[in-house]
Amino acid sequence: MRVFVAVALAPALREAIGGVRSRLNSAGSALRWVPPDNLHFTLKFLGEIAEARVAGIADAAREVAGRTGRFEITLAGLGAFPSPRRPQVVWVGVGDGADRLVALAGDLDTALYRLKFPREHRPFQPHLTVARVRRAGPVPDLSGPLDGLAGLVLGSQPVDALLVMESTLNPAGATYRPVDTVRLREVA
């Protein structure tokens, strides 16, 4: 199984992100947009693993969720990795609550390391991948359009669960299926 741990995107924010597409029309067909149902925040990608390990991953997520209270995040700003001039990925950033999402990803990384999954080499940068640049053709310079969207606020949502997800690759793109949902601790 190809597995990752994620936070779901609220349905209202899926619609708000749909409105971003029209603002990046200058990129034309150079961008391959992530289908709205596939939008999520990946906290830890585990790759191809034996199905027998999934229960341990869910247990690690439960351990982390049990000590993490629910919180809110705000989606704000657009950018590109590695840069707007030579983008490979277009993302929506996280404003308020980003520090909590970073801490959650770090705690999850530590819990999964105890299960012999390698640690992340780069610091976690909270973002939502919304598009990828197509490999064929010229790479668009998105610095102009993205500069105008740096301060855009799309809305807020609660972070109240971790999803253990299975990713299946096929010619039309990846499909995701939740394997387990683990609720974060209620805050009194």
N, C-alpha and C. Protein backbone atom coordinates (compact mmCIF):
# COMPACT_ATOMS: atom_id res chain seq x y z
N MET A 1 0.83 -1.19 0.00
CA MET A 1 0.00 0.00 0.00
C MET A 1 0.87 1.25 0.00
N ARG A 2 0.41 2.26 -0.69
CA ARG A 2 1.08 3.57 -0.69
C ARG A 2 0.30 4.44 0.30
N VAL A 3 0.96 4.88 1.39
CA VAL A 3 0.24 5.48 2.52
C VAL A 3 0.83 6.83 2.91
N PHE A 4 -0.07 7.71 3.38
CA PHE A 4 0.34 8.98 3.96
C PHE A 4 -0.64 9.36 5.06
N VAL A 5 -0.24 10.31 5.92
CA VAL A 5 -1.11 10.83 6.97
C VAL A 5 -1.39 12.29 6.64
N ALA A 6 -2.67 12.66 6.73
CA ALA A 6 -3.08 13.98 6.27
C ALA A 6 -4.14 14.59 7.17
N VAL A 7 -4.41 15.87 6.90
CA VAL A 7 -5.54 16.60 7.47
C VAL A 7 -6.43 16.95 6.28
N ALA A 8 -7.73 16.68 6.41
CA ALA A 8 -8.67 16.96 5.33
C ALA A 8 -8.88 18.46 5.17
N LEU A 9 -9.28 18.84 3.97
CA LEU A 9 -9.64 20.23 3.70
C LEU A 9 -11.15 20.36 3.80
N ALA A 10 -11.61 21.40 4.48
CA ALA A 10 -13.05 21.64 4.65
C ALA A 10 -13.71 21.90 3.29
N PRO A 11 -14.93 21.38 3.07
CA PRO A 11 -15.62 21.56 1.79
C PRO A 11 -15.75 23.03 1.36
N ALA A 12 -16.02 23.93 2.28
CA ALA A 12 -16.16 25.35 1.91
C ALA A 12 -14.86 25.90 1.35
N LEU A 13 -13.74 25.41 1.86
CA LEU A 13 -12.45 25.90 1.36
C LEU A 13 -12.11 25.28 0.00
N ARG A 14 -12.61 24.09 -0.27
CA ARG A 14 -12.43 23.51 -1.61
C ARG A 14 -13.03 24.44 -2.66
N GLU A 15 -14.22 24.98 -2.35
CA GLU A 15 -14.87 25.92 -3.27
C GLU A 15 -14.07 27.20 -3.41
N ALA A 16 -13.55 27.72 -2.30
CA ALA A 16 -12.76 28.96 -2.35
C ALA A 16 -11.52 28.77 -3.20
N ILE A 17 -10.91 27.61 -3.13
CA ILE A 17 -9.71 27.34 -3.92
C ILE A 17 -10.05 27.25 -5.40
N GLY A 18 -11.27 26.79 -5.70
CA GLY A 18 -11.71 26.77 -7.09
C GLY A 18 -11.66 28.16 -7.71
N GLY A 19 -11.94 29.19 -6.90
CA GLY A 19 -11.89 30.56 -7.39
C GLY A 19 -10.49 31.05 -7.70
N VAL A 20 -9.49 30.39 -7.13
CA VAL A 20 -8.09 30.78 -7.38
C VAL A 20 -7.68 30.43 -8.81
N ARG A 21 -8.25 29.37 -9.34
CA ARG A 21 -7.88 28.91 -10.68
C ARG A 21 -8.01 30.02 -11.71
N SER A 22 -9.11 30.74 -11.66
CA SER A 22 -9.35 31.79 -12.66
C SER A 22 -8.31 32.91 -12.55
N ARG A 23 -7.75 33.08 -11.37
CA ARG A 23 -6.76 34.15 -11.18
C ARG A 23 -5.39 33.76 -11.72
N LEU A 24 -5.21 32.51 -12.05
CA LEU A 24 -3.94 32.07 -12.62
C LEU A 24 -4.10 31.62 -14.07
N ASN A 25 -5.06 32.22 -14.76
CA ASN A 25 -5.32 31.87 -16.17
C ASN A 25 -4.10 32.10 -17.05
N SER A 26 -3.23 33.00 -16.67
CA SER A 26 -2.06 33.29 -17.49
C SER A 26 -1.16 32.08 -17.68
N ALA A 27 -1.25 31.13 -16.76
CA ALA A 27 -0.44 29.92 -16.88
C ALA A 27 -1.06 28.94 -17.87
N GLY A 28 -2.32 29.15 -18.22
CA GLY A 28 -2.99 28.33 -19.22
C GLY A 28 -2.92 26.85 -18.91
N SER A 29 -2.59 26.09 -19.93
CA SER A 29 -2.57 24.63 -19.81
C SER A 29 -1.28 24.12 -19.16
N ALA A 30 -0.39 25.02 -18.75
CA ALA A 30 0.86 24.58 -18.12
C ALA A 30 0.63 24.00 -16.74
N LEU A 31 -0.52 24.32 -16.12
CA LEU A 31 -0.81 23.82 -14.78
C LEU A 31 -1.80 22.66 -14.83
N ARG A 32 -1.52 21.63 -14.04
CA ARG A 32 -2.43 20.50 -13.84
C ARG A 32 -3.00 20.67 -12.45
N TRP A 33 -4.27 21.01 -12.36
CA TRP A 33 -4.90 21.31 -11.08
C TRP A 33 -5.25 20.04 -10.33
N VAL A 34 -5.05 20.05 -9.03
CA VAL A 34 -5.42 18.91 -8.19
C VAL A 34 -6.95 18.89 -8.12
N PRO A 35 -7.58 17.74 -8.38
CA PRO A 35 -9.04 17.68 -8.27
C PRO A 35 -9.49 18.07 -6.86
N PRO A 36 -10.59 18.82 -6.74
CA PRO A 36 -11.03 19.30 -5.42
C PRO A 36 -11.14 18.20 -4.37
N ASP A 37 -11.61 17.02 -4.74
CA ASP A 37 -11.75 15.93 -3.76
C ASP A 37 -10.41 15.40 -3.27
N ASN A 38 -9.33 15.70 -3.97
CA ASN A 38 -8.00 15.22 -3.58
C ASN A 38 -7.22 16.24 -2.75
N LEU A 39 -7.78 17.41 -2.52
CA LEU A 39 -7.06 18.43 -1.76
C LEU A 39 -6.99 18.05 -0.28
N HIS A 40 -5.79 18.13 0.28
CA HIS A 40 -5.55 17.79 1.69
C HIS A 40 -4.18 18.34 2.09
N PHE A 41 -3.92 18.35 3.39
CA PHE A 41 -2.60 18.73 3.91
C PHE A 41 -1.86 17.45 4.25
N THR A 42 -0.81 17.13 3.53
CA THR A 42 -0.01 15.95 3.85
C THR A 42 0.91 16.30 5.01
N LEU A 43 0.80 15.53 6.10
CA LEU A 43 1.68 15.73 7.25
C LEU A 43 2.88 14.81 7.17
N LYS A 44 2.68 13.60 6.63
CA LYS A 44 3.78 12.63 6.53
C LYS A 44 3.46 11.65 5.42
N PHE A 45 4.35 11.58 4.42
CA PHE A 45 4.22 10.61 3.35
C PHE A 45 5.10 9.42 3.72
N LEU A 46 4.51 8.23 3.72
CA LEU A 46 5.23 7.03 4.14
C LEU A 46 5.63 6.14 2.97
N GLY A 47 5.03 6.33 1.82
CA GLY A 47 5.38 5.56 0.63
C GLY A 47 4.78 4.17 0.64
N GLU A 48 5.40 3.29 -0.13
CA GLU A 48 4.93 1.91 -0.25
C GLU A 48 5.30 1.15 1.01
N ILE A 49 4.28 0.59 1.65
CA ILE A 49 4.51 -0.17 2.88
C ILE A 49 3.69 -1.45 2.84
N ALA A 50 4.05 -2.39 3.68
CA ALA A 50 3.26 -3.62 3.82
C ALA A 50 1.95 -3.27 4.52
N GLU A 51 0.87 -3.87 4.08
CA GLU A 51 -0.45 -3.60 4.66
C GLU A 51 -0.48 -3.86 6.17
N ALA A 52 0.34 -4.79 6.62
CA ALA A 52 0.39 -5.13 8.05
C ALA A 52 0.88 -3.96 8.91
N ARG A 53 1.56 -2.99 8.31
CA ARG A 53 2.08 -1.85 9.08
C ARG A 53 1.06 -0.73 9.29
N VAL A 54 -0.06 -0.80 8.58
CA VAL A 54 -1.06 0.28 8.65
C VAL A 54 -1.62 0.42 10.07
N ALA A 55 -1.86 -0.69 10.74
CA ALA A 55 -2.41 -0.62 12.11
C ALA A 55 -1.46 0.13 13.03
N GLY A 56 -0.16 -0.08 12.89
CA GLY A 56 0.82 0.64 13.70
C GLY A 56 0.83 2.13 13.40
N ILE A 57 0.64 2.48 12.13
CA ILE A 57 0.58 3.89 11.74
C ILE A 57 -0.65 4.55 12.38
N ALA A 58 -1.79 3.85 12.33
CA ALA A 58 -3.01 4.38 12.95
C ALA A 58 -2.83 4.52 14.46
N ASP A 59 -2.15 3.57 15.08
CA ASP A 59 -1.89 3.66 16.53
C ASP A 59 -1.01 4.87 16.85
N ALA A 60 0.02 5.11 16.01
CA ALA A 60 0.89 6.28 16.21
C ALA A 60 0.07 7.57 16.05
N ALA A 61 -0.82 7.59 15.08
CA ALA A 61 -1.68 8.77 14.88
C ALA A 61 -2.59 8.96 16.09
N ARG A 62 -3.12 7.87 16.66
CA ARG A 62 -3.97 7.96 17.85
C ARG A 62 -3.18 8.51 19.05
N GLU A 63 -1.93 8.06 19.17
CA GLU A 63 -1.07 8.54 20.26
C GLU A 63 -0.89 10.06 20.15
N VAL A 64 -0.58 10.53 18.96
CA VAL A 64 -0.37 11.96 18.72
C VAL A 64 -1.67 12.73 18.92
N ALA A 65 -2.76 12.21 18.38
CA ALA A 65 -4.06 12.89 18.48
C ALA A 65 -4.52 12.98 19.94
N GLY A 66 -4.18 11.99 20.74
CA GLY A 66 -4.59 11.99 22.13
C GLY A 66 -3.96 13.10 22.95
N ARG A 67 -2.84 13.62 22.49
CA ARG A 67 -2.20 14.71 23.23
C ARG A 67 -2.25 16.04 22.48
N THR A 68 -3.01 16.08 21.38
CA THR A 68 -3.13 17.29 20.58
C THR A 68 -4.56 17.77 20.58
N GLY A 69 -4.78 18.97 21.07
CA GLY A 69 -6.12 19.55 21.07
C GLY A 69 -6.48 20.08 19.70
N ARG A 70 -7.76 20.07 19.41
CA ARG A 70 -8.26 20.61 18.15
C ARG A 70 -7.91 22.09 18.05
N PHE A 71 -7.70 22.55 16.81
CA PHE A 71 -7.34 23.96 16.59
C PHE A 71 -7.82 24.41 15.22
N GLU A 72 -7.71 25.71 14.97
CA GLU A 72 -8.14 26.32 13.71
C GLU A 72 -6.92 26.73 12.89
N ILE A 73 -7.07 26.64 11.57
CA ILE A 73 -6.06 27.18 10.67
C ILE A 73 -6.75 28.10 9.68
N THR A 74 -5.99 29.05 9.16
CA THR A 74 -6.47 29.96 8.13
C THR A 74 -5.63 29.77 6.88
N LEU A 75 -6.30 29.57 5.75
CA LEU A 75 -5.59 29.47 4.47
C LEU A 75 -5.35 30.86 3.95
N ALA A 76 -4.09 31.18 3.69
CA ALA A 76 -3.75 32.53 3.27
C ALA A 76 -2.53 32.52 2.37
N GLY A 77 -2.59 33.26 1.28
CA GLY A 77 -1.46 33.45 0.38
C GLY A 77 -1.26 32.30 -0.58
N LEU A 78 -0.70 32.61 -1.73
CA LEU A 78 -0.33 31.60 -2.73
C LEU A 78 1.14 31.75 -3.03
N GLY A 79 1.75 30.65 -3.40
CA GLY A 79 3.17 30.66 -3.76
C GLY A 79 3.48 29.46 -4.61
N ALA A 80 4.77 29.26 -4.86
CA ALA A 80 5.21 28.14 -5.69
C ALA A 80 6.54 27.61 -5.18
N PHE A 81 6.69 26.30 -5.29
CA PHE A 81 7.98 25.65 -5.01
C PHE A 81 8.60 25.27 -6.34
N PRO A 82 9.88 25.41 -6.58
CA PRO A 82 10.85 26.02 -5.69
C PRO A 82 10.80 27.55 -5.71
N SER A 83 10.21 28.15 -6.78
CA SER A 83 10.06 29.60 -6.82
C SER A 83 8.97 29.95 -7.84
N PRO A 84 8.38 31.15 -7.73
CA PRO A 84 7.37 31.55 -8.71
C PRO A 84 7.91 31.66 -10.14
N ARG A 85 9.21 31.97 -10.28
CA ARG A 85 9.78 32.09 -11.63
C ARG A 85 9.98 30.73 -12.31
N ARG A 86 10.22 29.70 -11.53
CA ARG A 86 10.43 28.34 -12.07
C ARG A 86 9.59 27.35 -11.25
N PRO A 87 8.27 27.50 -11.28
CA PRO A 87 7.43 26.67 -10.40
C PRO A 87 7.35 25.22 -10.84
N GLN A 88 7.24 24.36 -9.86
CA GLN A 88 6.90 22.95 -10.09
C GLN A 88 5.56 22.65 -9.42
N VAL A 89 5.32 23.33 -8.29
CA VAL A 89 4.10 23.15 -7.51
C VAL A 89 3.55 24.52 -7.14
N VAL A 90 2.24 24.70 -7.27
CA VAL A 90 1.57 25.91 -6.80
C VAL A 90 0.83 25.53 -5.51
N TRP A 91 0.97 26.36 -4.49
CA TRP A 91 0.40 26.04 -3.18
C TRP A 91 -0.35 27.22 -2.58
N VAL A 92 -1.26 26.87 -1.66
CA VAL A 92 -1.92 27.85 -0.80
C VAL A 92 -1.29 27.68 0.58
N GLY A 93 -0.94 28.78 1.21
CA GLY A 93 -0.26 28.73 2.50
C GLY A 93 -1.22 28.69 3.68
N VAL A 94 -0.64 28.52 4.84
CA VAL A 94 -1.39 28.54 6.09
C VAL A 94 -0.89 29.73 6.90
N GLY A 95 -1.82 30.58 7.33
CA GLY A 95 -1.48 31.73 8.16
C GLY A 95 -1.65 31.36 9.62
N ASP A 96 -2.75 31.81 10.23
CA ASP A 96 -3.02 31.48 11.63
C ASP A 96 -3.09 29.97 11.79
N GLY A 97 -2.46 29.47 12.85
CA GLY A 97 -2.47 28.03 13.13
C GLY A 97 -1.34 27.27 12.47
N ALA A 98 -0.53 27.95 11.67
CA ALA A 98 0.58 27.25 10.99
C ALA A 98 1.53 26.62 12.01
N ASP A 99 1.80 27.33 13.11
CA ASP A 99 2.70 26.79 14.12
C ASP A 99 2.14 25.51 14.74
N ARG A 100 0.83 25.45 14.92
CA ARG A 100 0.20 24.24 15.48
C ARG A 100 0.28 23.08 14.49
N LEU A 101 0.13 23.39 13.20
CA LEU A 101 0.22 22.34 12.17
C LEU A 101 1.65 21.82 12.08
N VAL A 102 2.64 22.72 12.21
CA VAL A 102 4.05 22.32 12.23
C VAL A 102 4.32 21.40 13.42
N ALA A 103 3.81 21.78 14.60
CA ALA A 103 4.02 20.96 15.80
C ALA A 103 3.35 19.60 15.65
N LEU A 104 2.16 19.56 15.07
CA LEU A 104 1.46 18.29 14.84
C LEU A 104 2.26 17.39 13.91
N ALA A 105 2.77 17.95 12.82
CA ALA A 105 3.57 17.17 11.87
C ALA A 105 4.86 16.67 12.54
N GLY A 106 5.48 17.50 13.36
CA GLY A 106 6.70 17.09 14.06
C GLY A 106 6.46 15.98 15.05
N ASP A 107 5.36 16.08 15.79
CA ASP A 107 5.01 15.04 16.76
C ASP A 107 4.72 13.72 16.03
N LEU A 108 4.02 13.80 14.92
CA LEU A 108 3.71 12.61 14.13
C LEU A 108 4.99 12.00 13.56
N ASP A 109 5.90 12.83 13.08
CA ASP A 109 7.18 12.35 12.55
C ASP A 109 7.95 11.58 13.62
N THR A 110 7.97 12.11 14.85
CA THR A 110 8.65 11.44 15.96
C THR A 110 7.99 10.11 16.30
N ALA A 111 6.66 10.09 16.36
CA ALA A 111 5.93 8.84 16.68
C ALA A 111 6.17 7.78 15.61
N LEU A 112 6.22 8.19 14.35
CA LEU A 112 6.43 7.23 13.27
C LEU A 112 7.89 6.79 13.17
N TYR A 113 8.80 7.64 13.61
CA TYR A 113 10.22 7.27 13.65
C TYR A 113 10.42 6.08 14.60
N ARG A 114 9.67 6.07 15.69
CA ARG A 114 9.75 4.94 16.62
C ARG A 114 9.29 3.63 15.97
N LEU A 115 8.53 3.74 14.87
CA LEU A 115 8.10 2.56 14.11
C LEU A 115 9.04 2.28 12.93
N LYS A 116 10.21 2.94 12.95
CA LYS A 116 11.26 2.74 11.95
C LYS A 116 10.99 3.41 10.60
N PHE A 117 10.11 4.42 10.58
CA PHE A 117 9.95 5.23 9.38
C PHE A 117 10.99 6.34 9.44
N PRO A 118 11.64 6.65 8.32
CA PRO A 118 12.68 7.69 8.37
C PRO A 118 12.10 9.06 8.72
N ARG A 119 12.92 9.85 9.42
CA ARG A 119 12.54 11.23 9.75
C ARG A 119 12.56 12.08 8.49
N GLU A 120 11.80 13.15 8.53
CA GLU A 120 11.82 14.13 7.44
C GLU A 120 13.15 14.88 7.48
N HIS A 121 13.73 15.10 6.32
CA HIS A 121 15.01 15.81 6.26
C HIS A 121 14.84 17.32 6.20
N ARG A 122 13.70 17.75 5.69
CA ARG A 122 13.44 19.19 5.58
C ARG A 122 12.38 19.59 6.60
N PRO A 123 12.42 20.81 7.09
CA PRO A 123 11.38 21.25 8.01
C PRO A 123 10.02 21.25 7.30
N PHE A 124 8.99 20.91 8.05
CA PHE A 124 7.63 20.89 7.51
C PHE A 124 7.18 22.31 7.21
N GLN A 125 6.69 22.54 5.99
CA GLN A 125 6.15 23.85 5.60
C GLN A 125 4.66 23.66 5.32
N PRO A 126 3.79 24.13 6.21
CA PRO A 126 2.36 23.92 6.01
C PRO A 126 1.88 24.56 4.72
N HIS A 127 1.36 23.75 3.83
CA HIS A 127 0.84 24.25 2.56
C HIS A 127 -0.13 23.23 1.98
N LEU A 128 -0.92 23.69 1.06
CA LEU A 128 -1.88 22.86 0.35
C LEU A 128 -1.50 22.90 -1.13
N THR A 129 -1.08 21.79 -1.68
CA THR A 129 -0.73 21.75 -3.10
C THR A 129 -2.02 21.84 -3.91
N VAL A 130 -2.12 22.86 -4.78
CA VAL A 130 -3.33 23.04 -5.58
C VAL A 130 -3.10 22.77 -7.06
N ALA A 131 -1.84 22.83 -7.51
CA ALA A 131 -1.55 22.56 -8.92
C ALA A 131 -0.09 22.14 -9.07
N ARG A 132 0.17 21.42 -10.14
CA ARG A 132 1.53 21.04 -10.50
C ARG A 132 1.77 21.49 -11.93
N VAL A 133 3.01 21.87 -12.23
CA VAL A 133 3.35 22.29 -13.58
C VAL A 133 3.52 21.03 -14.43
N ARG A 134 2.90 21.02 -15.60
CA ARG A 134 3.03 19.88 -16.51
C ARG A 134 4.48 19.76 -16.97
N ARG A 135 4.92 18.54 -17.13
CA ARG A 135 6.33 18.31 -17.50
C ARG A 135 6.61 18.74 -18.93
N ALA A 136 5.66 18.57 -19.82
CA ALA A 136 5.86 18.95 -21.22
C ALA A 136 5.61 20.45 -21.38
N GLY A 137 6.39 21.06 -22.25
CA GLY A 137 6.18 22.47 -22.54
C GLY A 137 7.01 23.39 -21.66
N PRO A 138 6.93 24.68 -21.95
CA PRO A 138 7.70 25.66 -21.19
C PRO A 138 7.14 25.86 -19.77
N VAL A 139 8.03 26.16 -18.85
CA VAL A 139 7.63 26.43 -17.47
C VAL A 139 7.15 27.88 -17.39
N PRO A 140 5.94 28.11 -16.90
CA PRO A 140 5.44 29.48 -16.84
C PRO A 140 6.09 30.27 -15.71
N ASP A 141 6.28 31.55 -15.93
CA ASP A 141 6.74 32.45 -14.87
C ASP A 141 5.48 32.96 -14.17
N LEU A 142 5.28 32.54 -12.93
CA LEU A 142 4.08 32.92 -12.18
C LEU A 142 4.33 34.04 -11.19
N SER A 143 5.51 34.68 -11.27
CA SER A 143 5.84 35.69 -10.27
C SER A 143 4.84 36.85 -10.28
N GLY A 144 4.39 37.29 -11.43
CA GLY A 144 3.41 38.38 -11.49
C GLY A 144 2.07 38.00 -10.87
N PRO A 145 1.43 36.94 -11.38
CA PRO A 145 0.13 36.55 -10.81
C PRO A 145 0.20 36.20 -9.32
N LEU A 146 1.26 35.53 -8.91
CA LEU A 146 1.36 35.13 -7.50
C LEU A 146 1.64 36.31 -6.58
N ASP A 147 2.37 37.32 -7.07
CA ASP A 147 2.60 38.51 -6.25
C ASP A 147 1.28 39.15 -5.85
N GLY A 148 0.33 39.17 -6.77
CA GLY A 148 -0.96 39.77 -6.48
C GLY A 148 -1.83 38.94 -5.55
N LEU A 149 -1.44 37.69 -5.29
CA LEU A 149 -2.24 36.80 -4.45
C LEU A 149 -1.56 36.46 -3.12
N ALA A 150 -0.42 37.08 -2.86
CA ALA A 150 0.34 36.76 -1.64
C ALA A 150 -0.46 37.04 -0.37
N GLY A 151 -1.31 38.05 -0.38
CA GLY A 151 -2.07 38.40 0.82
C GLY A 151 -3.49 37.87 0.83
N LEU A 152 -3.86 37.07 -0.15
CA LEU A 152 -5.21 36.54 -0.25
C LEU A 152 -5.53 35.62 0.94
N VAL A 153 -6.67 35.86 1.60
CA VAL A 153 -7.14 34.98 2.68
C VAL A 153 -8.35 34.24 2.16
N LEU A 154 -8.28 32.91 2.17
CA LEU A 154 -9.35 32.08 1.62
C LEU A 154 -10.38 31.64 2.65
N GLY A 155 -10.00 31.65 3.93
CA GLY A 155 -10.93 31.23 4.97
C GLY A 155 -10.25 30.38 6.02
N SER A 156 -11.03 29.94 7.00
CA SER A 156 -10.50 29.15 8.11
C SER A 156 -11.24 27.83 8.20
N GLN A 157 -10.61 26.90 8.90
CA GLN A 157 -11.24 25.61 9.15
C GLN A 157 -10.66 25.00 10.42
N PRO A 158 -11.43 24.10 11.04
CA PRO A 158 -10.87 23.38 12.19
C PRO A 158 -9.96 22.25 11.73
N VAL A 159 -8.97 21.97 12.55
CA VAL A 159 -8.17 20.75 12.40
C VAL A 159 -8.59 19.88 13.56
N ASP A 160 -9.38 18.86 13.26
CA ASP A 160 -9.95 18.03 14.32
C ASP A 160 -9.70 16.54 14.15
N ALA A 161 -8.98 16.16 13.07
CA ALA A 161 -8.72 14.74 12.85
C ALA A 161 -7.50 14.54 11.97
N LEU A 162 -6.87 13.39 12.14
CA LEU A 162 -5.81 12.92 11.26
C LEU A 162 -6.40 11.80 10.42
N LEU A 163 -6.04 11.79 9.14
CA LEU A 163 -6.49 10.73 8.24
C LEU A 163 -5.29 9.89 7.82
N VAL A 164 -5.40 8.58 8.00
CA VAL A 164 -4.43 7.66 7.42
C VAL A 164 -5.01 7.32 6.06
N MET A 165 -4.27 7.66 5.00
CA MET A 165 -4.80 7.56 3.64
C MET A 165 -4.00 6.57 2.79
N GLU A 166 -4.71 5.90 1.90
CA GLU A 166 -4.07 5.07 0.88
C GLU A 166 -4.15 5.82 -0.44
N SER A 167 -3.04 5.85 -1.15
CA SER A 167 -2.95 6.51 -2.45
C SER A 167 -2.75 5.44 -3.51
N THR A 168 -3.61 5.45 -4.53
CA THR A 168 -3.47 4.51 -5.64
C THR A 168 -3.18 5.33 -6.89
N LEU A 169 -2.07 5.01 -7.54
CA LEU A 169 -1.69 5.73 -8.76
C LEU A 169 -2.31 5.03 -9.96
N ASN A 170 -2.86 5.85 -10.88
CA ASN A 170 -3.38 5.32 -12.13
C ASN A 170 -3.15 6.36 -13.22
N PRO A 171 -3.34 6.02 -14.48
CA PRO A 171 -3.03 6.97 -15.57
C PRO A 171 -3.75 8.31 -15.46
N ALA A 172 -4.95 8.32 -14.89
CA ALA A 172 -5.70 9.57 -14.77
C ALA A 172 -5.26 10.41 -13.57
N GLY A 173 -4.37 9.88 -12.73
CA GLY A 173 -3.93 10.58 -11.53
C GLY A 173 -4.17 9.73 -10.30
N ALA A 174 -3.78 10.24 -9.16
CA ALA A 174 -3.91 9.49 -7.91
C ALA A 174 -5.36 9.53 -7.41
N THR A 175 -5.76 8.42 -6.78
CA THR A 175 -7.02 8.40 -6.05
C THR A 175 -6.68 8.10 -4.60
N TYR A 176 -7.41 8.72 -3.68
CA TYR A 176 -7.13 8.58 -2.26
C TYR A 176 -8.31 7.94 -1.56
N ARG A 177 -8.00 7.09 -0.59
CA ARG A 177 -9.03 6.42 0.19
C ARG A 177 -8.63 6.46 1.66
N PRO A 178 -9.51 6.99 2.52
CA PRO A 178 -9.18 6.99 3.95
C PRO A 178 -9.20 5.56 4.49
N VAL A 179 -8.14 5.19 5.20
CA VAL A 179 -8.03 3.87 5.82
C VAL A 179 -8.47 3.97 7.28
N ASP A 180 -8.17 5.11 7.91
CA ASP A 180 -8.55 5.32 9.30
C ASP A 180 -8.67 6.82 9.55
N THR A 181 -9.60 7.18 10.41
CA THR A 181 -9.77 8.57 10.83
C THR A 181 -9.57 8.61 12.35
N VAL A 182 -8.67 9.50 12.78
CA VAL A 182 -8.32 9.59 14.19
C VAL A 182 -8.63 11.01 14.66
N ARG A 183 -9.55 11.16 15.58
CA ARG A 183 -9.98 12.47 16.07
C ARG A 183 -8.97 13.04 17.07
N LEU A 184 -8.70 14.34 16.93
CA LEU A 184 -7.85 15.04 17.90
C LEU A 184 -8.65 15.24 19.19
N ARG A 185 -7.93 15.48 20.25
CA ARG A 185 -8.52 15.65 21.58
C ARG A 185 -9.41 16.89 21.62
N GLU A 186 -10.59 16.73 22.24
CA GLU A 186 -11.49 17.87 22.45
C GLU A 186 -10.85 18.83 23.44
N VAL A 187 -10.93 20.11 23.15
CA VAL A 187 -10.37 21.11 24.06
C VAL A 187 -11.50 21.59 24.96
N ALA A 188 -11.26 21.52 26.27
CA ALA A 188 -12.31 21.90 27.23
C ALA A 188 -12.46 23.39 27.33
